[in-house]
Protein backbone atom coordinates (compact mmCIF):
# COMPACT_ATOMS: atom_id res chain seq x y z
CA MET A 1 -26.92 -16.38 -14.74
CA ARG A 2 -25.11 -13.11 -14.16
CA SER A 3 -26.59 -9.80 -15.08
CA GLY A 4 -24.52 -7.17 -16.85
CA VAL A 5 -25.33 -4.63 -14.15
CA GLN A 6 -23.76 -6.73 -11.38
CA GLU A 7 -20.59 -7.33 -13.39
CA ALA A 8 -20.23 -3.65 -14.24
CA GLU A 9 -20.42 -2.62 -10.57
CA ARG A 10 -17.72 -5.02 -9.44
CA PRO A 11 -14.08 -4.61 -10.56
CA SER A 12 -12.55 -7.47 -12.49
CA ARG A 13 -9.87 -9.69 -11.00
CA SER A 14 -7.28 -8.07 -13.28
CA GLN A 15 -8.32 -4.61 -12.11
CA LYS A 16 -7.98 -5.70 -8.48
CA LYS A 17 -4.49 -7.04 -9.20
CA ARG A 18 -3.46 -3.79 -10.94
CA GLU A 19 -4.69 -1.76 -7.97
CA SER A 20 -2.90 -4.08 -5.55
CA LEU A 21 0.37 -3.80 -7.48
CA ALA A 22 0.05 -0.02 -7.60
CA LEU A 23 -0.30 0.11 -3.82
CA GLN A 24 2.69 -2.23 -3.42
CA GLU A 25 4.74 0.11 -5.63
CA THR A 26 3.63 3.04 -3.48
CA GLY A 27 4.73 1.03 -0.44
CA GLU A 28 8.10 0.50 -2.09
CA ARG A 29 8.39 4.27 -2.62
CA LEU A 30 7.59 4.78 1.06
CA ALA A 31 10.19 2.20 2.09
CA ALA A 32 12.85 4.03 0.08
CA LEU A 33 12.24 7.34 1.87
CA PRO A 34 14.64 8.47 4.60
CA ARG A 35 13.42 7.95 8.18
CA ALA A 36 13.03 11.71 8.76
CA ARG A 37 10.60 12.01 5.85
CA LEU A 38 8.65 8.94 6.95
CA ALA A 39 8.27 10.45 10.41
CA ALA A 40 6.67 13.54 8.87
CA LEU A 41 4.05 11.55 6.92
CA PRO A 42 0.60 10.73 8.36
CA LEU A 43 1.05 6.94 8.48
CA PRO A 44 -1.23 4.51 10.32
CA ASP A 45 0.68 2.76 13.13
CA ALA A 46 0.51 -0.70 11.53
CA LEU A 47 1.88 0.65 8.25
CA ARG A 48 4.71 2.46 10.04
CA GLU A 49 5.63 -0.78 11.84
CA GLY A 50 5.49 -2.70 8.56
CA LEU A 51 7.86 -0.21 6.93
CA ASP A 52 10.23 -0.41 9.91
CA ASP A 53 10.24 -4.21 9.65
CA TYR A 54 10.93 -3.97 5.91
CA ALA A 55 13.96 -1.77 6.55
CA ARG A 56 15.42 -4.36 8.95
CA MET A 57 15.01 -7.32 6.59
CA GLY A 58 17.91 -8.50 4.49
CA SER A 59 16.57 -11.48 2.58
CA TYR A 60 15.07 -10.77 -0.84
CA GLY A 61 12.17 -13.17 -0.26
CA ALA A 62 11.37 -11.71 3.15
CA ARG A 63 11.42 -8.17 1.77
CA ARG A 64 9.13 -9.19 -1.10
CA ARG A 65 6.63 -10.77 1.32
CA GLN A 66 6.82 -7.71 3.54
CA LEU A 67 6.02 -5.47 0.55
CA GLN A 68 2.95 -7.61 -0.10
CA TYR A 69 1.96 -7.15 3.55
CA ILE A 70 2.53 -3.39 3.25
CA GLY A 71 0.30 -3.41 0.16
CA ARG A 72 -2.41 -5.19 2.15
CA LEU A 73 -2.15 -2.62 4.94
CA MET A 74 -2.45 0.14 2.36
CA ARG A 75 -5.56 -1.48 0.85
CA GLU A 76 -7.12 -1.64 4.31
CA ALA A 77 -6.24 2.01 4.90
CA GLN A 78 -7.76 2.87 1.52
CA GLU A 79 -11.02 1.17 2.51
CA ASP A 80 -11.34 3.17 5.73
CA GLY A 81 -10.33 6.44 4.06
CA SER A 82 -7.06 7.02 5.91
CA LEU A 83 -4.84 6.45 2.86
CA GLN A 84 -5.73 9.58 0.87
CA PRO A 85 -3.93 12.07 3.17
CA LEU A 86 -0.83 9.87 2.94
CA LEU A 87 -0.97 9.75 -0.86
CA ASP A 88 -1.44 13.52 -1.01
CA ALA A 89 1.57 14.06 1.26
CA LEU A 90 3.65 11.61 -0.77
CA ASP A 91 2.80 13.45 -4.00
CA ARG A 92 4.05 16.70 -2.47
CA LEU A 93 7.50 15.19 -1.77
């Protein structure tokens, strides 16, 4: 039996999906930026490499999968606290 307290502390599956899609959309915004602006942003190395790979891809399916990967990298960065400076810098653009 589940207690109401445990369920309230944990986000629902739908909430997790919404957050994941929001980070993927942010990744898409990053991918659309010119290289000079990307260079000025405080990006983790893995995320920078993921965005570079995305720019080189031509296939729709490959680009879609790469955006999912970028979203995963952004979720990992969010967990360790290194995403907030990037989001703040992106909002200033």
